[in-house]
Amino acid sequence: MARGEIHVSGSKEFEKFYNSLNPNDDLRGYIDEAMDSLKEDPTIGDKIEKKLWPKEYVKKYGINNLFRYSIGSNWRMTYTIVTDRKGITCAILEVLVHKEYDKRFGYQTS
């Protein structure tokens, strides 16, 4: 991998979700488009303030930044950007339906 190259990977949870989708599913196509966009510009998503980060993400993934990318009108993808001497990796944590995203981030309690 050349320095400065941008790669996209996913958490085990994301990979399981993605692989469960039918290749012809519209959502899978939207996710593929989102991943292509991240390869062009890793900061294309909305940066989420640290005070809003789910504790689960900090504990499980050890994140030090967090972004949200809207997929269509009803889905949200969360990801973090990891840099090292080899380049940049956008690590997708989850893709959630909007209602679940709101619950995860404490915007909705029911």
C-alpha atoms as a PDB file:
ATOM      1  CA  MET A   1       0.000   0.000   0.000  1.00  0.00           C
ATOM      2  CA  ALA A   2       1.518   3.327  -1.037  1.00  0.00           C
ATOM      3  CA  ARG A   3       1.706   6.219   1.401  1.00  0.00           C
ATOM      4  CA  GLY A   4      -1.426   8.325   1.225  1.00  0.00           C
ATOM      5  CA  GLU A   5      -3.588   5.593  -0.228  1.00  0.00           C
ATOM      6  CA  ILE A   6      -7.140   5.449   1.131  1.00  0.00           C
ATOM      7  CA  HIS A   7      -8.697   2.114   1.991  1.00  0.00           C
ATOM      8  CA  VAL A   8     -12.078   1.140   3.369  1.00  0.00           C
ATOM      9  CA  SER A   9     -12.594  -1.758   5.755  1.00  0.00           C
ATOM     10  CA  GLY A  10     -15.314  -2.777   8.145  1.00  0.00           C
ATOM     11  CA  SER A  11     -15.835  -4.111  11.628  1.00  0.00           C
ATOM     12  CA  LYS A  12     -16.875  -7.735  12.044  1.00  0.00           C
ATOM     13  CA  GLU A  13     -20.415  -6.521  12.720  1.00  0.00           C
ATOM     14  CA  PHE A  14     -20.446  -4.442   9.561  1.00  0.00           C
ATOM     15  CA  GLU A  15     -19.006  -7.296   7.476  1.00  0.00           C
ATOM     16  CA  LYS A  16     -21.671  -9.684   8.780  1.00  0.00           C
ATOM     17  CA  PHE A  17     -24.438  -7.181   8.000  1.00  0.00           C
ATOM     18  CA  TYR A  18     -23.041  -6.352   4.540  1.00  0.00           C
ATOM     19  CA  ASN A  19     -22.541  -9.987   3.590  1.00  0.00           C
ATOM     20  CA  SER A  20     -26.114 -10.796   4.647  1.00  0.00           C
ATOM     21  CA  LEU A  21     -27.476  -8.416   2.025  1.00  0.00           C
ATOM     22  CA  ASN A  22     -28.493  -9.756  -1.369  1.00  0.00           C
ATOM     23  CA  PRO A  23     -26.051  -8.509  -4.032  1.00  0.00           C
ATOM     24  CA  ASN A  24     -29.046  -6.998  -5.858  1.00  0.00           C
ATOM     25  CA  ASP A  25     -30.360  -5.221  -2.736  1.00  0.00           C
ATOM     26  CA  ASP A  26     -30.592  -1.436  -3.201  1.00  0.00           C
ATOM     27  CA  LEU A  27     -29.072  -0.899   0.256  1.00  0.00           C
ATOM     28  CA  ARG A  28     -25.991  -2.913  -0.688  1.00  0.00           C
ATOM     29  CA  GLY A  29     -25.597  -0.770  -3.787  1.00  0.00           C
ATOM     30  CA  TYR A  30     -25.899   2.402  -1.694  1.00  0.00           C
ATOM     31  CA  ILE A  31     -23.273   1.085   0.729  1.00  0.00           C
ATOM     32  CA  ASP A  32     -20.944   0.292  -2.190  1.00  0.00           C
ATOM     33  CA  GLU A  33     -21.396   3.861  -3.459  1.00  0.00           C
ATOM     34  CA  ALA A  34     -20.684   5.217   0.040  1.00  0.00           C
ATOM     35  CA  MET A  35     -17.490   3.146   0.271  1.00  0.00           C
ATOM     36  CA  ASP A  36     -16.358   4.475  -3.122  1.00  0.00           C
ATOM     37  CA  SER A  37     -17.024   8.028  -1.892  1.00  0.00           C
ATOM     38  CA  LEU A  38     -14.938   7.380   1.245  1.00  0.00           C
ATOM     39  CA  LYS A  39     -12.024   6.260  -0.949  1.00  0.00           C
ATOM     40  CA  GLU A  40     -12.177   9.650  -2.666  1.00  0.00           C
ATOM     41  CA  ASP A  41     -12.664  11.745   0.496  1.00  0.00           C
ATOM     42  CA  PRO A  42     -12.566  10.092   3.937  1.00  0.00           C
ATOM     43  CA  THR A  43     -14.010  13.192   5.592  1.00  0.00           C
ATOM     44  CA  ILE A  44     -17.109  13.290   3.373  1.00  0.00           C
ATOM     45  CA  GLY A  45     -19.303  12.295   6.325  1.00  0.00           C
ATOM     46  CA  ASP A  46     -20.421  14.495   9.191  1.00  0.00           C
ATOM     47  CA  LYS A  47     -17.950  14.588  12.073  1.00  0.00           C
ATOM     48  CA  ILE A  48     -19.656  13.645  15.338  1.00  0.00           C
ATOM     49  CA  GLU A  49     -18.761  15.585  18.478  1.00  0.00           C
ATOM     50  CA  LYS A  50     -16.859  13.510  21.024  1.00  0.00           C
ATOM     51  CA  LYS A  51     -19.469  14.124  23.735  1.00  0.00           C
ATOM     52  CA  LEU A  52     -22.016  12.289  21.533  1.00  0.00           C
ATOM     53  CA  TRP A  53     -19.908   9.168  20.905  1.00  0.00           C
ATOM     54  CA  PRO A  54     -21.533   5.970  22.156  1.00  0.00           C
ATOM     55  CA  LYS A  55     -19.471   4.548  25.024  1.00  0.00           C
ATOM     56  CA  GLU A  56     -19.784   1.171  23.305  1.00  0.00           C
ATOM     57  CA  TYR A  57     -17.772   2.492  20.323  1.00  0.00           C
ATOM     58  CA  VAL A  58     -15.020   3.895  22.514  1.00  0.00           C
ATOM     59  CA  LYS A  59     -14.737   0.684  24.520  1.00  0.00           C
ATOM     60  CA  LYS A  60     -15.057  -1.764  21.632  1.00  0.00           C
ATOM     61  CA  TYR A  61     -13.114   0.035  18.898  1.00  0.00           C
ATOM     62  CA  GLY A  62     -10.900   2.496  20.776  1.00  0.00           C
ATOM     63  CA  ILE A  63     -11.901   5.294  18.410  1.00  0.00           C
ATOM     64  CA  ASN A  64     -10.426   8.784  18.482  1.00  0.00           C
ATOM     65  CA  ASN A  65     -12.694  10.227  15.768  1.00  0.00           C
ATOM     66  CA  LEU A  66     -16.176   9.377  14.518  1.00  0.00           C
ATOM     67  CA  PHE A  67     -18.150  10.227  11.413  1.00  0.00           C
ATOM     68  CA  ARG A  68     -21.687   9.642  10.158  1.00  0.00           C
ATOM     69  CA  TYR A  69     -22.600   9.180   6.510  1.00  0.00           C
ATOM     70  CA  SER A  70     -26.241   9.192   5.430  1.00  0.00           C
ATOM     71  CA  ILE A  71     -27.209   6.391   3.082  1.00  0.00           C
ATOM     72  CA  GLY A  72     -30.471   7.246   1.438  1.00  0.00           C
ATOM     73  CA  SER A  73     -33.092   8.812   3.638  1.00  0.00           C
ATOM     74  CA  ASN A  74     -33.352   6.029   6.204  1.00  0.00           C
ATOM     75  CA  TRP A  75     -29.874   4.587   6.872  1.00  0.00           C
ATOM     76  CA  ARG A  76     -26.782   5.878   8.668  1.00  0.00           C
ATOM     77  CA  MET A  77     -23.245   4.522   8.430  1.00  0.00           C
ATOM     78  CA  THR A  78     -20.766   5.222  11.226  1.00  0.00           C
ATOM     79  CA  TYR A  79     -17.037   5.087  10.614  1.00  0.00           C
ATOM     80  CA  THR A  80     -13.712   6.135  12.020  1.00  0.00           C
ATOM     81  CA  ILE A  81     -10.549   7.190  10.211  1.00  0.00           C
ATOM     82  CA  VAL A  82      -7.276   5.465  11.073  1.00  0.00           C
ATOM     83  CA  THR A  83      -3.962   6.730   9.750  1.00  0.00           C
ATOM     84  CA  ASP A  84      -0.554   5.121   9.871  1.00  0.00           C
ATOM     85  CA  ARG A  85       2.640   5.176   7.837  1.00  0.00           C
ATOM     86  CA  LYS A  86       0.967   3.019   5.187  1.00  0.00           C
ATOM     87  CA  GLY A  87      -1.932   5.366   4.530  1.00  0.00           C
ATOM     88  CA  ILE A  88      -5.505   6.069   5.553  1.00  0.00           C
ATOM     89  CA  THR A  89      -8.209   3.541   6.387  1.00  0.00           C
ATOM     90  CA  CYS A  90     -11.877   4.338   6.813  1.00  0.00           C
ATOM     91  CA  ALA A  91     -13.138   1.666   9.195  1.00  0.00           C
ATOM     92  CA  ILE A  92     -16.897   1.271   8.946  1.00  0.00           C
ATOM     93  CA  LEU A  93     -18.358   0.404  12.345  1.00  0.00           C
ATOM     94  CA  GLU A  94     -22.066  -0.016  11.585  1.00  0.00           C
ATOM     95  CA  VAL A  95     -24.874   0.650   9.170  1.00  0.00           C
ATOM     96  CA  LEU A  96     -28.065   1.365  11.068  1.00  0.00           C
ATOM     97  CA  VAL A  97     -31.610   2.199  10.123  1.00  0.00           C
ATOM     98  CA  HIS A  98     -32.217   5.823  11.141  1.00  0.00           C
ATOM     99  CA  LYS A  99     -34.388   4.891  14.148  1.00  0.00           C
ATOM    100  CA  GLU A 100     -31.665   2.577  15.532  1.00  0.00           C
ATOM    101  CA  TYR A 101     -29.035   5.234  14.887  1.00  0.00           C
ATOM    102  CA  ASP A 102     -31.093   7.687  16.951  1.00  0.00           C
ATOM    103  CA  LYS A 103     -31.288   5.141  19.792  1.00  0.00           C
ATOM    104  CA  ARG A 104     -27.545   4.379  19.648  1.00  0.00           C
ATOM    105  CA  PHE A 105     -26.705   8.066  19.948  1.00  0.00           C
ATOM    106  CA  GLY A 106     -29.316   8.838  22.581  1.00  0.00           C
ATOM    107  CA  TYR A 107     -31.535  11.022  20.406  1.00  0.00           C
ATOM    108  CA  GLN A 108     -34.504   8.729  20.989  1.00  0.00           C
ATOM    109  CA  THR A 109     -35.300   6.757  24.118  1.00  0.00           C
ATOM    110  CA  SER A 110     -38.045   4.444  22.845  1.00  0.00           C
END
